[in-house]
Amino acid sequence: MGRTVPTYRRQLEKEHQRWQIFRAALRAEDQPIFDALFKHSREYADAGSSAARACPSEALFMSMLVGLCKEVLRLRQVLKPREESDEKREREDARQLTDSAIIAPRSMLTMLPYPHLKR
């Protein structure tokens, strides 16, 4: 006996074909982004087939969202050490500025181009 219900992967491919007109209408620089979204949906095809939704688009879009969230979290982990080191550098720079302002206000005033403005 043959299958009467198409597999999720086949439904996914049909849905991908239906969206090709939309893809063609996108700008050239946006088309790879569209392709990346569908790549996310293929990566989570096992979960989509387990969901057994009447409308395969729901699982398709949820797979895309999960893939995008995973990518955002990965990028946050990559950027977090950089942000922490930037914050540390900014605090160090601010400390040095306040230290130099405490030590050198009079010497800075003598360097002004208008000596009559000395306090």
PDB file of N, CA and C in Angstrom:
ATOM      1  N   MET A   1       0.830  -1.187   0.000  1.00  0.00           N
ATOM      2  CA  MET A   1       0.000   0.000   0.000  1.00  0.00           C
ATOM      3  C   MET A   1       0.870   1.245   0.000  1.00  0.00           C
ATOM      4  N   GLY A   2       0.444   2.218  -0.755  1.00  0.00           N
ATOM      5  CA  GLY A   2       1.176   3.467  -0.820  1.00  0.00           C
ATOM      6  C   GLY A   2       0.728   4.440   0.249  1.00  0.00           C
ATOM      7  N   ARG A   3       1.497   5.494   0.390  1.00  0.00           N
ATOM      8  CA  ARG A   3       1.161   6.528   1.370  1.00  0.00           C
ATOM      9  C   ARG A   3       0.054   7.414   0.814  1.00  0.00           C
ATOM     10  N   THR A   4      -0.877   7.769   1.654  1.00  0.00           N
ATOM     11  CA  THR A   4      -1.933   8.689   1.238  1.00  0.00           C
ATOM     12  C   THR A   4      -1.656  10.105   1.710  1.00  0.00           C
ATOM     13  N   VAL A   5      -0.834  10.243   2.736  1.00  0.00           N
ATOM     14  CA  VAL A   5      -0.485  11.555   3.262  1.00  0.00           C
ATOM     15  C   VAL A   5       0.960  11.848   2.869  1.00  0.00           C
ATOM     16  N   PRO A   6       1.198  12.985   2.199  1.00  0.00           N
ATOM     17  CA  PRO A   6       2.584  13.296   1.826  1.00  0.00           C
ATOM     18  C   PRO A   6       3.434  13.579   3.062  1.00  0.00           C
ATOM     19  N   THR A   7       4.699  13.269   2.971  1.00  0.00           N
ATOM     20  CA  THR A   7       5.606  13.517   4.090  1.00  0.00           C
ATOM     21  C   THR A   7       5.789  15.017   4.288  1.00  0.00           C
ATOM     22  N   TYR A   8       6.245  15.368   5.466  1.00  0.00           N
ATOM     23  CA  TYR A   8       6.465  16.786   5.761  1.00  0.00           C
ATOM     24  C   TYR A   8       7.520  17.373   4.825  1.00  0.00           C
ATOM     25  N   ARG A   9       8.539  16.605   4.539  1.00  0.00           N
ATOM     26  CA  ARG A   9       9.593  17.115   3.648  1.00  0.00           C
ATOM     27  C   ARG A   9       9.046  17.412   2.257  1.00  0.00           C
ATOM     28  N   ARG A  10       8.150  16.577   1.772  1.00  0.00           N
ATOM     29  CA  ARG A  10       7.529  16.855   0.468  1.00  0.00           C
ATOM     30  C   ARG A  10       6.632  18.084   0.542  1.00  0.00           C
ATOM     31  N   GLN A  11       5.896  18.214   1.633  1.00  0.00           N
ATOM     32  CA  GLN A  11       5.067  19.398   1.809  1.00  0.00           C
ATOM     33  C   GLN A  11       5.933  20.650   1.902  1.00  0.00           C
ATOM     34  N   LEU A  12       7.072  20.506   2.560  1.00  0.00           N
ATOM     35  CA  LEU A  12       8.014  21.620   2.683  1.00  0.00           C
ATOM     36  C   LEU A  12       8.522  22.047   1.311  1.00  0.00           C
ATOM     37  N   GLU A  13       8.854  21.094   0.471  1.00  0.00           N
ATOM     38  CA  GLU A  13       9.319  21.417  -0.880  1.00  0.00           C
ATOM     39  C   GLU A  13       8.211  22.063  -1.714  1.00  0.00           C
ATOM     40  N   LYS A  14       6.981  21.580  -1.560  1.00  0.00           N
ATOM     41  CA  LYS A  14       5.858  22.207  -2.272  1.00  0.00           C
ATOM     42  C   LYS A  14       5.672  23.647  -1.808  1.00  0.00           C
ATOM     43  N   GLU A  15       5.769  23.847  -0.509  1.00  0.00           N
ATOM     44  CA  GLU A  15       5.638  25.203   0.038  1.00  0.00           C
ATOM     45  C   GLU A  15       6.764  26.096  -0.475  1.00  0.00           C
ATOM     46  N   HIS A  16       7.953  25.546  -0.556  1.00  0.00           N
ATOM     47  CA  HIS A  16       9.098  26.296  -1.094  1.00  0.00           C
ATOM     48  C   HIS A  16       8.829  26.693  -2.545  1.00  0.00           C
ATOM     49  N   GLN A  17       8.271  25.792  -3.322  1.00  0.00           N
ATOM     50  CA  GLN A  17       7.936  26.091  -4.716  1.00  0.00           C
ATOM     51  C   GLN A  17       6.883  27.194  -4.807  1.00  0.00           C
ATOM     52  N   ARG A  18       5.923  27.172  -3.892  1.00  0.00           N
ATOM     53  CA  ARG A  18       4.874  28.207  -3.898  1.00  0.00           C
ATOM     54  C   ARG A  18       5.437  29.590  -3.615  1.00  0.00           C
ATOM     55  N   TRP A  19       6.511  29.636  -2.845  1.00  0.00           N
ATOM     56  CA  TRP A  19       7.115  30.923  -2.483  1.00  0.00           C
ATOM     57  C   TRP A  19       8.128  31.427  -3.512  1.00  0.00           C
ATOM     58  N   GLN A  20       8.353  30.700  -4.570  1.00  0.00           N
ATOM     59  CA  GLN A  20       9.352  31.104  -5.560  1.00  0.00           C
ATOM     60  C   GLN A  20       8.968  32.397  -6.286  1.00  0.00           C
ATOM     61  N   ILE A  21       7.689  32.634  -6.472  1.00  0.00           N
ATOM     62  CA  ILE A  21       7.264  33.888  -7.104  1.00  0.00           C
ATOM     63  C   ILE A  21       7.622  35.067  -6.195  1.00  0.00           C
ATOM     64  N   PHE A  22       7.385  34.889  -4.896  1.00  0.00           N
ATOM     65  CA  PHE A  22       7.761  35.920  -3.924  1.00  0.00           C
ATOM     66  C   PHE A  22       9.267  36.144  -3.964  1.00  0.00           C
ATOM     67  N   ARG A  23      10.037  35.068  -3.982  1.00  0.00           N
ATOM     68  CA  ARG A  23      11.498  35.167  -4.022  1.00  0.00           C
ATOM     69  C   ARG A  23      11.964  35.925  -5.254  1.00  0.00           C
ATOM     70  N   ALA A  24      11.351  35.619  -6.391  1.00  0.00           N
ATOM     71  CA  ALA A  24      11.740  36.283  -7.633  1.00  0.00           C
ATOM     72  C   ALA A  24      11.451  37.785  -7.585  1.00  0.00           C
ATOM     73  N   ALA A  25      10.444  38.175  -6.816  1.00  0.00           N
ATOM     74  CA  ALA A  25      10.101  39.596  -6.710  1.00  0.00           C
ATOM     75  C   ALA A  25      11.016  40.348  -5.749  1.00  0.00           C
ATOM     76  N   LEU A  26      11.770  39.618  -4.939  1.00  0.00           N
ATOM     77  CA  LEU A  26      12.688  40.265  -4.001  1.00  0.00           C
ATOM     78  C   LEU A  26      13.880  40.871  -4.743  1.00  0.00           C
ATOM     79  N   ARG A  27      14.501  41.852  -4.104  1.00  0.00           N
ATOM     80  CA  ARG A  27      15.742  42.406  -4.652  1.00  0.00           C
ATOM     81  C   ARG A  27      16.812  41.326  -4.625  1.00  0.00           C
ATOM     82  N   ALA A  28      17.783  41.485  -5.477  1.00  0.00           N
ATOM     83  CA  ALA A  28      18.851  40.479  -5.593  1.00  0.00           C
ATOM     84  C   ALA A  28      19.581  40.273  -4.273  1.00  0.00           C
ATOM     85  N   GLU A  29      19.794  41.340  -3.510  1.00  0.00           N
ATOM     86  CA  GLU A  29      20.522  41.189  -2.242  1.00  0.00           C
ATOM     87  C   GLU A  29      19.671  40.523  -1.162  1.00  0.00           C
ATOM     88  N   ASP A  30      18.342  40.501  -1.322  1.00  0.00           N
ATOM     89  CA  ASP A  30      17.464  39.870  -0.341  1.00  0.00           C
ATOM     90  C   ASP A  30      17.192  38.397  -0.642  1.00  0.00           C
ATOM     91  N   GLN A  31      17.443  37.974  -1.847  1.00  0.00           N
ATOM     92  CA  GLN A  31      17.163  36.588  -2.211  1.00  0.00           C
ATOM     93  C   GLN A  31      18.001  35.576  -1.421  1.00  0.00           C
ATOM     94  N   PRO A  32      19.286  35.827  -1.171  1.00  0.00           N
ATOM     95  CA  PRO A  32      20.045  34.882  -0.324  1.00  0.00           C
ATOM     96  C   PRO A  32      19.497  34.802   1.107  1.00  0.00           C
ATOM     97  N   ILE A  33      18.931  35.889   1.604  1.00  0.00           N
ATOM     98  CA  ILE A  33      18.332  35.879   2.934  1.00  0.00           C
ATOM     99  C   ILE A  33      17.101  34.978   2.925  1.00  0.00           C
ATOM    100  N   PHE A  34      16.303  35.098   1.890  1.00  0.00           N
ATOM    101  CA  PHE A  34      15.138  34.226   1.719  1.00  0.00           C
ATOM    102  C   PHE A  34      15.574  32.764   1.698  1.00  0.00           C
ATOM    103  N   ASP A  35      16.625  32.477   0.944  1.00  0.00           N
ATOM    104  CA  ASP A  35      17.133  31.103   0.863  1.00  0.00           C
ATOM    105  C   ASP A  35      17.614  30.608   2.225  1.00  0.00           C
ATOM    106  N   ALA A  36      18.245  31.494   2.997  1.00  0.00           N
ATOM    107  CA  ALA A  36      18.730  31.112   4.326  1.00  0.00           C
ATOM    108  C   ALA A  36      17.557  30.765   5.250  1.00  0.00           C
ATOM    109  N   LEU A  37      16.455  31.483   5.112  1.00  0.00           N
ATOM    110  CA  LEU A  37      15.277  31.169   5.925  1.00  0.00           C
ATOM    111  C   LEU A  37      14.758  29.773   5.620  1.00  0.00           C
ATOM    112  N   PHE A  38      14.687  29.446   4.349  1.00  0.00           N
ATOM    113  CA  PHE A  38      14.223  28.112   4.000  1.00  0.00           C
ATOM    114  C   PHE A  38      15.236  27.045   4.400  1.00  0.00           C
ATOM    115  N   LYS A  39      16.493  27.421   4.454  1.00  0.00           N
ATOM    116  CA  LYS A  39      17.500  26.468   4.935  1.00  0.00           C
ATOM    117  C   LYS A  39      17.232  26.130   6.399  1.00  0.00           C
ATOM    118  N   HIS A  40      16.861  27.145   7.192  1.00  0.00           N
ATOM    119  CA  HIS A  40      16.497  26.893   8.594  1.00  0.00           C
ATOM    120  C   HIS A  40      15.323  25.924   8.674  1.00  0.00           C
ATOM    121  N   SER A  41      14.346  26.102   7.793  1.00  0.00           N
ATOM    122  CA  SER A  41      13.175  25.222   7.853  1.00  0.00           C
ATOM    123  C   SER A  41      13.560  23.783   7.517  1.00  0.00           C
ATOM    124  N   ARG A  42      14.525  23.608   6.637  1.00  0.00           N
ATOM    125  CA  ARG A  42      14.979  22.249   6.302  1.00  0.00           C
ATOM    126  C   ARG A  42      15.786  21.633   7.440  1.00  0.00           C
ATOM    127  N   GLU A  43      16.537  22.466   8.162  1.00  0.00           N
ATOM    128  CA  GLU A  43      17.335  21.962   9.283  1.00  0.00           C
ATOM    129  C   GLU A  43      16.455  21.385  10.382  1.00  0.00           C
ATOM    130  N   TYR A  44      15.249  21.914  10.517  1.00  0.00           N
ATOM    131  CA  TYR A  44      14.339  21.457  11.562  1.00  0.00           C
ATOM    132  C   TYR A  44      13.175  20.659  10.985  1.00  0.00           C
ATOM    133  N   ALA A  45      13.401  19.993   9.871  1.00  0.00           N
ATOM    134  CA  ALA A  45      12.354  19.205   9.231  1.00  0.00           C
ATOM    135  C   ALA A  45      11.899  18.047  10.109  1.00  0.00           C
ATOM    136  N   ASP A  46      12.807  17.470  10.882  1.00  0.00           N
ATOM    137  CA  ASP A  46      12.412  16.380  11.784  1.00  0.00           C
ATOM    138  C   ASP A  46      11.399  16.870  12.812  1.00  0.00           C
ATOM    139  N   ALA A  47      11.655  18.037  13.381  1.00  0.00           N
ATOM    140  CA  ALA A  47      10.714  18.595  14.357  1.00  0.00           C
ATOM    141  C   ALA A  47       9.397  18.956  13.684  1.00  0.00           C
ATOM    142  N   GLY A  48       9.481  19.477  12.461  1.00  0.00           N
ATOM    143  CA  GLY A  48       8.269  19.832  11.731  1.00  0.00           C
ATOM    144  C   GLY A  48       7.406  18.625  11.425  1.00  0.00           C
ATOM    145  N   SER A  49       8.032  17.519  11.075  1.00  0.00           N
ATOM    146  CA  SER A  49       7.253  16.315  10.791  1.00  0.00           C
ATOM    147  C   SER A  49       6.669  15.730  12.069  1.00  0.00           C
ATOM    148  N   SER A  50       7.350  15.916  13.187  1.00  0.00           N
ATOM    149  CA  SER A  50       6.821  15.438  14.468  1.00  0.00           C
ATOM    150  C   SER A  50       5.638  16.277  14.942  1.00  0.00           C
ATOM    151  N   ALA A  51       5.609  17.543  14.532  1.00  0.00           N
ATOM    152  CA  ALA A  51       4.524  18.427  14.966  1.00  0.00           C
ATOM    153  C   ALA A  51       3.187  17.989  14.376  1.00  0.00           C
ATOM    154  N   ALA A  52       3.203  17.388  13.202  1.00  0.00           N
ATOM    155  CA  ALA A  52       1.994  16.876  12.546  1.00  0.00           C
ATOM    156  C   ALA A  52       0.876  17.913  12.515  1.00  0.00           C
ATOM    157  N   ARG A  53       1.184  19.080  12.010  1.00  0.00           N
ATOM    158  CA  ARG A  53       0.196  20.147  11.882  1.00  0.00           C
ATOM    159  C   ARG A  53      -0.626  19.949  10.617  1.00  0.00           C
ATOM    160  N   ALA A  54      -1.871  20.376  10.657  1.00  0.00           N
ATOM    161  CA  ALA A  54      -2.714  20.314   9.461  1.00  0.00           C
ATOM    162  C   ALA A  54      -2.197  21.285   8.400  1.00  0.00           C
ATOM    163  N   CYS A  55      -1.640  22.387   8.878  1.00  0.00           N
ATOM    164  CA  CYS A  55      -1.083  23.389   7.977  1.00  0.00           C
ATOM    165  C   CYS A  55       0.445  23.327   8.095  1.00  0.00           C
ATOM    166  N   PRO A  56       1.136  22.834   7.085  1.00  0.00           N
ATOM    167  CA  PRO A  56       2.601  22.706   7.187  1.00  0.00           C
ATOM    168  C   PRO A  56       3.317  24.049   7.295  1.00  0.00           C
ATOM    169  N   SER A  57       2.653  25.129   6.891  1.00  0.00           N
ATOM    170  CA  SER A  57       3.282  26.451   6.967  1.00  0.00           C
ATOM    171  C   SER A  57       3.599  26.838   8.404  1.00  0.00           C
ATOM    172  N   GLU A  58       2.764  26.403   9.342  1.00  0.00           N
ATOM    173  CA  GLU A  58       3.026  26.733  10.748  1.00  0.00           C
ATOM    174  C   GLU A  58       4.366  26.150  11.197  1.00  0.00           C
ATOM    175  N   ALA A  59       4.598  24.898  10.900  1.00  0.00           N
ATOM    176  CA  ALA A  59       5.875  24.270  11.274  1.00  0.00           C
ATOM    177  C   ALA A  59       7.028  24.897  10.499  1.00  0.00           C
ATOM    178  N   LEU A  60       6.787  25.261   9.263  1.00  0.00           N
ATOM    179  CA  LEU A  60       7.808  25.898   8.437  1.00  0.00           C
ATOM    180  C   LEU A  60       8.261  27.205   9.069  1.00  0.00           C
ATOM    181  N   PHE A  61       7.289  28.054   9.429  1.00  0.00           N
ATOM    182  CA  PHE A  61       7.635  29.355  10.004  1.00  0.00           C
ATOM    183  C   PHE A  61       8.229  29.209  11.399  1.00  0.00           C
ATOM    184  N   MET A  62       7.746  28.253  12.175  1.00  0.00           N
ATOM    185  CA  MET A  62       8.318  28.035  13.504  1.00  0.00           C
ATOM    186  C   MET A  62       9.772  27.559  13.381  1.00  0.00           C
ATOM    187  N   SER A  63      10.056  26.725  12.411  1.00  0.00           N
ATOM    188  CA  SER A  63      11.428  26.269  12.182  1.00  0.00           C
ATOM    189  C   SER A  63      12.328  27.438  11.812  1.00  0.00           C
ATOM    190  N   MET A  64      11.804  28.337  10.993  1.00  0.00           N
ATOM    191  CA  MET A  64      12.581  29.522  10.620  1.00  0.00           C
ATOM    192  C   MET A  64      12.875  30.373  11.847  1.00  0.00           C
ATOM    193  N   LEU A  65      11.867  30.559  12.692  1.00  0.00           N
ATOM    194  CA  LEU A  65      12.051  31.373  13.896  1.00  0.00           C
ATOM    195  C   LEU A  65      13.061  30.747  14.852  1.00  0.00           C
ATOM    196  N   VAL A  66      12.977  29.448  15.041  1.00  0.00           N
ATOM    197  CA  VAL A  66      13.933  28.763  15.925  1.00  0.00           C
ATOM    198  C   VAL A  66      15.354  28.922  15.384  1.00  0.00           C
ATOM    199  N   GLY A  67      15.507  28.748  14.075  1.00  0.00           N
ATOM    200  CA  GLY A  67      16.825  28.904  13.469  1.00  0.00           C
ATOM    201  C   GLY A  67      17.372  30.309  13.625  1.00  0.00           C
ATOM    202  N   LEU A  68      16.512  31.306  13.444  1.00  0.00           N
ATOM    203  CA  LEU A  68      16.951  32.692  13.587  1.00  0.00           C
ATOM    204  C   LEU A  68      17.308  33.024  15.034  1.00  0.00           C
ATOM    205  N   CYS A  69      16.489  32.545  15.973  1.00  0.00           N
ATOM    206  CA  CYS A  69      16.789  32.794  17.390  1.00  0.00           C
ATOM    207  C   CYS A  69      18.104  32.138  17.795  1.00  0.00           C
ATOM    208  N   LYS A  70      18.341  30.948  17.301  1.00  0.00           N
ATOM    209  CA  LYS A  70      19.590  30.254  17.594  1.00  0.00           C
ATOM    210  C   LYS A  70      20.777  31.064  17.069  1.00  0.00           C
ATOM    211  N   GLU A  71      20.626  31.621  15.881  1.00  0.00           N
ATOM    212  CA  GLU A  71      21.694  32.422  15.293  1.00  0.00           C
ATOM    213  C   GLU A  71      21.929  33.704  16.091  1.00  0.00           C
ATOM    214  N   VAL A  72      20.863  34.351  16.537  1.00  0.00           N
ATOM    215  CA  VAL A  72      20.988  35.569  17.336  1.00  0.00           C
ATOM    216  C   VAL A  72      21.702  35.272  18.650  1.00  0.00           C
ATOM    217  N   LEU A  73      21.329  34.179  19.310  1.00  0.00           N
ATOM    218  CA  LEU A  73      21.984  33.810  20.561  1.00  0.00           C
ATOM    219  C   LEU A  73      23.465  33.505  20.356  1.00  0.00           C
ATOM    220  N   ARG A  74      23.787  32.852  19.256  1.00  0.00           N
ATOM    221  CA  ARG A  74      25.189  32.556  18.967  1.00  0.00           C
ATOM    222  C   ARG A  74      25.976  33.858  18.757  1.00  0.00           C
ATOM    223  N   LEU A  75      25.383  34.796  18.030  1.00  0.00           N
ATOM    224  CA  LEU A  75      26.058  36.071  17.790  1.00  0.00           C
ATOM    225  C   LEU A  75      26.221  36.866  19.081  1.00  0.00           C
ATOM    226  N   ARG A  76      25.235  36.785  19.960  1.00  0.00           N
ATOM    227  CA  ARG A  76      25.359  37.470  21.249  1.00  0.00           C
ATOM    228  C   ARG A  76      26.524  36.909  22.047  1.00  0.00           C
ATOM    229  N   GLN A  77      26.708  35.602  22.008  1.00  0.00           N
ATOM    230  CA  GLN A  77      27.822  34.989  22.730  1.00  0.00           C
ATOM    231  C   GLN A  77      29.160  35.422  22.148  1.00  0.00           C
ATOM    232  N   VAL A  78      29.204  35.589  20.837  1.00  0.00           N
ATOM    233  CA  VAL A  78      30.437  36.032  20.189  1.00  0.00           C
ATOM    234  C   VAL A  78      30.729  37.489  20.547  1.00  0.00           C
ATOM    235  N   LEU A  79      29.687  38.332  20.561  1.00  0.00           N
ATOM    236  CA  LEU A  79      29.882  39.761  20.793  1.00  0.00           C
ATOM    237  C   LEU A  79      30.038  40.108  22.268  1.00  0.00           C
ATOM    238  N   LYS A  80      29.553  39.281  23.167  1.00  0.00           N
ATOM    239  CA  LYS A  80      29.590  39.592  24.587  1.00  0.00           C
ATOM    240  C   LYS A  80      31.006  39.837  25.108  1.00  0.00           C
ATOM    241  N   PRO A  81      31.999  38.978  24.818  1.00  0.00           N
ATOM    242  CA  PRO A  81      33.361  39.279  25.297  1.00  0.00           C
ATOM    243  C   PRO A  81      33.904  40.591  24.744  1.00  0.00           C
ATOM    244  N   ARG A  82      33.555  40.897  23.501  1.00  0.00           N
ATOM    245  CA  ARG A  82      34.020  42.163  22.919  1.00  0.00           C
ATOM    246  C   ARG A  82      33.410  43.347  23.648  1.00  0.00           C
ATOM    247  N   GLU A  83      32.104  43.270  23.928  1.00  0.00           N
ATOM    248  CA  GLU A  83      31.436  44.361  24.624  1.00  0.00           C
ATOM    249  C   GLU A  83      32.008  44.540  26.022  1.00  0.00           C
ATOM    250  N   GLU A  84      32.283  43.436  26.700  1.00  0.00           N
ATOM    251  CA  GLU A  84      32.852  43.527  28.042  1.00  0.00           C
ATOM    252  C   GLU A  84      34.233  44.154  28.004  1.00  0.00           C
ATOM    253  N   SER A  85      35.044  43.790  27.022  1.00  0.00           N
ATOM    254  CA  SER A  85      36.376  44.383  26.931  1.00  0.00           C
ATOM    255  C   SER A  85      36.283  45.850  26.533  1.00  0.00           C
ATOM    256  N   ASP A  86      35.305  46.208  25.688  1.00  0.00           N
ATOM    257  CA  ASP A  86      35.097  47.615  25.329  1.00  0.00           C
ATOM    258  C   ASP A  86      34.677  48.422  26.548  1.00  0.00           C
ATOM    259  N   GLU A  87      33.760  47.869  27.352  1.00  0.00           N
ATOM    260  CA  GLU A  87      33.332  48.563  28.566  1.00  0.00           C
ATOM    261  C   GLU A  87      34.495  48.739  29.527  1.00  0.00           C
ATOM    262  N   LYS A  88      35.328  47.717  29.661  1.00  0.00           N
ATOM    263  CA  LYS A  88      36.488  47.806  30.549  1.00  0.00           C
ATOM    264  C   LYS A  88      37.447  48.884  30.052  1.00  0.00           C
ATOM    265  N   ARG A  89      37.670  48.912  28.735  1.00  0.00           N
ATOM    266  CA  ARG A  89      38.557  49.922  28.157  1.00  0.00           C
ATOM    267  C   ARG A  89      37.987  51.325  28.371  1.00  0.00           C
ATOM    268  N   GLU A  90      36.678  51.488  28.200  1.00  0.00           N
ATOM    269  CA  GLU A  90      36.048  52.793  28.413  1.00  0.00           C
ATOM    270  C   GLU A  90      36.172  53.239  29.859  1.00  0.00           C
ATOM    271  N   ARG A  91      35.979  52.301  30.800  1.00  0.00           N
ATOM    272  CA  ARG A  91      36.132  52.652  32.217  1.00  0.00           C
ATOM    273  C   ARG A  91      37.572  53.077  32.511  1.00  0.00           C
ATOM    274  N   GLU A  92      38.530  52.369  31.925  1.00  0.00           N
ATOM    275  CA  GLU A  92      39.941  52.705  32.129  1.00  0.00           C
ATOM    276  C   GLU A  92      40.252  54.080  31.540  1.00  0.00           C
ATOM    277  N   ASP A  93      39.732  54.349  30.350  1.00  0.00           N
ATOM    278  CA  ASP A  93      39.944  55.663  29.731  1.00  0.00           C
ATOM    279  C   ASP A  93      39.325  56.770  30.578  1.00  0.00           C
ATOM    280  N   ALA A  94      38.116  56.527  31.091  1.00  0.00           N
ATOM    281  CA  ALA A  94      37.450  57.527  31.924  1.00  0.00           C
ATOM    282  C   ALA A  94      38.232  57.762  33.205  1.00  0.00           C
ATOM    283  N   ARG A  95      38.769  56.691  33.793  1.00  0.00           N
ATOM    284  CA  ARG A  95      39.562  56.833  35.010  1.00  0.00           C
ATOM    285  C   ARG A  95      40.816  57.659  34.742  1.00  0.00           C
ATOM    286  N   GLN A  96      41.468  57.393  33.613  1.00  0.00           N
ATOM    287  CA  GLN A  96      42.670  58.148  33.273  1.00  0.00           C
ATOM    288  C   GLN A  96      42.348  59.615  33.042  1.00  0.00           C
ATOM    289  N   LEU A  97      41.214  59.880  32.420  1.00  0.00           N
ATOM    290  CA  LEU A  97      40.821  61.276  32.197  1.00  0.00           C
ATOM    291  C   LEU A  97      40.565  61.986  33.510  1.00  0.00           C
ATOM    292  N   THR A  98      39.855  61.349  34.414  1.00  0.00           N
ATOM    293  CA  THR A  98      39.593  62.000  35.697  1.00  0.00           C
ATOM    294  C   THR A  98      40.873  62.156  36.497  1.00  0.00           C
ATOM    295  N   ASP A  99      41.781  61.192  36.441  1.00  0.00           N
ATOM    296  CA  ASP A  99      43.064  61.314  37.132  1.00  0.00           C
ATOM    297  C   ASP A  99      43.867  62.476  36.578  1.00  0.00           C
ATOM    298  N   SER A 100      43.921  62.621  35.275  1.00  0.00           N
ATOM    299  CA  SER A 100      44.697  63.718  34.685  1.00  0.00           C
ATOM    300  C   SER A 100      44.028  65.055  34.958  1.00  0.00           C
ATOM    301  N   ALA A 101      42.704  65.094  35.027  1.00  0.00           N
ATOM    302  CA  ALA A 101      42.008  66.342  35.323  1.00  0.00           C
ATOM    303  C   ALA A 101      42.257  66.771  36.765  1.00  0.00           C
ATOM    304  N   ILE A 102      42.410  65.822  37.654  1.00  0.00           N
ATOM    305  CA  ILE A 102      42.675  66.147  39.053  1.00  0.00           C
ATOM    306  C   ILE A 102      44.088  66.671  39.219  1.00  0.00           C
ATOM    307  N   ILE A 103      45.032  66.116  38.483  1.00  0.00           N
ATOM    308  CA  ILE A 103      46.438  66.465  38.642  1.00  0.00           C
ATOM    309  C   ILE A 103      46.812  67.732  37.875  1.00  0.00           C
ATOM    310  N   ALA A 104      46.248  67.927  36.691  1.00  0.00           N
ATOM    311  CA  ALA A 104      46.801  68.940  35.803  1.00  0.00           C
ATOM    312  C   ALA A 104      45.924  70.143  35.482  1.00  0.00           C
ATOM    313  N   PRO A 105      44.989  70.575  36.272  1.00  0.00           N
ATOM    314  CA  PRO A 105      44.195  71.709  35.814  1.00  0.00           C
ATOM    315  C   PRO A 105      44.996  72.994  35.690  1.00  0.00           C
ATOM    316  N   ARG A 106      45.935  73.285  36.623  1.00  0.00           N
ATOM    317  CA  ARG A 106      46.690  74.532  36.530  1.00  0.00           C
ATOM    318  C   ARG A 106      47.672  74.517  35.370  1.00  0.00           C
ATOM    319  N   SER A 107      48.317  73.405  35.165  1.00  0.00           N
ATOM    320  CA  SER A 107      49.266  73.342  34.061  1.00  0.00           C
ATOM    321  C   SER A 107      48.525  73.469  32.730  1.00  0.00           C
ATOM    322  N   MET A 108      47.311  72.983  32.670  1.00  0.00           N
ATOM    323  CA  MET A 108      46.544  73.115  31.435  1.00  0.00           C
ATOM    324  C   MET A 108      46.145  74.566  31.213  1.00  0.00           C
ATOM    325  N   LEU A 109      45.860  75.286  32.293  1.00  0.00           N
ATOM    326  CA  LEU A 109      45.465  76.682  32.149  1.00  0.00           C
ATOM    327  C   LEU A 109      46.623  77.543  31.673  1.00  0.00           C
ATOM    328  N   THR A 110      47.841  77.219  32.053  1.00  0.00           N
ATOM    329  CA  THR A 110      48.989  78.007  31.607  1.00  0.00           C
ATOM    330  C   THR A 110      49.253  77.788  30.124  1.00  0.00           C
ATOM    331  N   MET A 111      48.712  76.716  29.574  1.00  0.00           N
ATOM    332  CA  MET A 111      48.931  76.435  28.167  1.00  0.00           C
ATOM    333  C   MET A 111      47.863  77.080  27.280  1.00  0.00           C
ATOM    334  N   LEU A 112      46.898  77.741  27.862  1.00  0.00           N
ATOM    335  CA  LEU A 112      45.836  78.367  27.074  1.00  0.00           C
ATOM    336  C   LEU A 112      46.422  79.470  26.188  1.00  0.00           C
ATOM    337  N   PRO A 113      45.846  79.656  25.005  1.00  0.00           N
ATOM    338  CA  PRO A 113      46.362  80.714  24.131  1.00  0.00           C
ATOM    339  C   PRO A 113      46.032  82.110  24.636  1.00  0.00           C
ATOM    340  N   TYR A 114      45.126  82.207  25.609  1.00  0.00           N
ATOM    341  CA  TYR A 114      44.743  83.508  26.153  1.00  0.00           C
ATOM    342  C   TYR A 114      45.151  83.572  27.624  1.00  0.00           C
ATOM    343  N   PRO A 115      46.371  84.061  27.895  1.00  0.00           N
ATOM    344  CA  PRO A 115      46.848  84.050  29.286  1.00  0.00           C
ATOM    345  C   PRO A 115      46.007  84.889  30.221  1.00  0.00           C
ATOM    346  N   HIS A 116      45.286  85.872  29.722  1.00  0.00           N
ATOM    347  CA  HIS A 116      44.501  86.730  30.605  1.00  0.00           C
ATOM    348  C   HIS A 116      43.262  85.981  31.149  1.00  0.00           C
ATOM    349  N   LEU A 117      42.978  84.774  30.642  1.00  0.00           N
ATOM    350  CA  LEU A 117      41.855  83.993  31.113  1.00  0.00           C
ATOM    351  C   LEU A 117      42.229  83.085  32.284  1.00  0.00           C
ATOM    352  N   LYS A 118      43.439  83.230  32.814  1.00  0.00           N
ATOM    353  CA  LYS A 118      43.844  82.393  33.942  1.00  0.00           C
ATOM    354  C   LYS A 118      42.966  82.689  35.131  1.00  0.00           C
ATOM    355  N   ARG A 119      42.702  81.640  35.888  1.00  0.00           N
ATOM    356  CA  ARG A 119      41.849  81.813  37.076  1.00  0.00           C
ATOM    357  C   ARG A 119      42.681  81.919  38.303  1.00  0.00           C
TER     358      ARG A 119
END
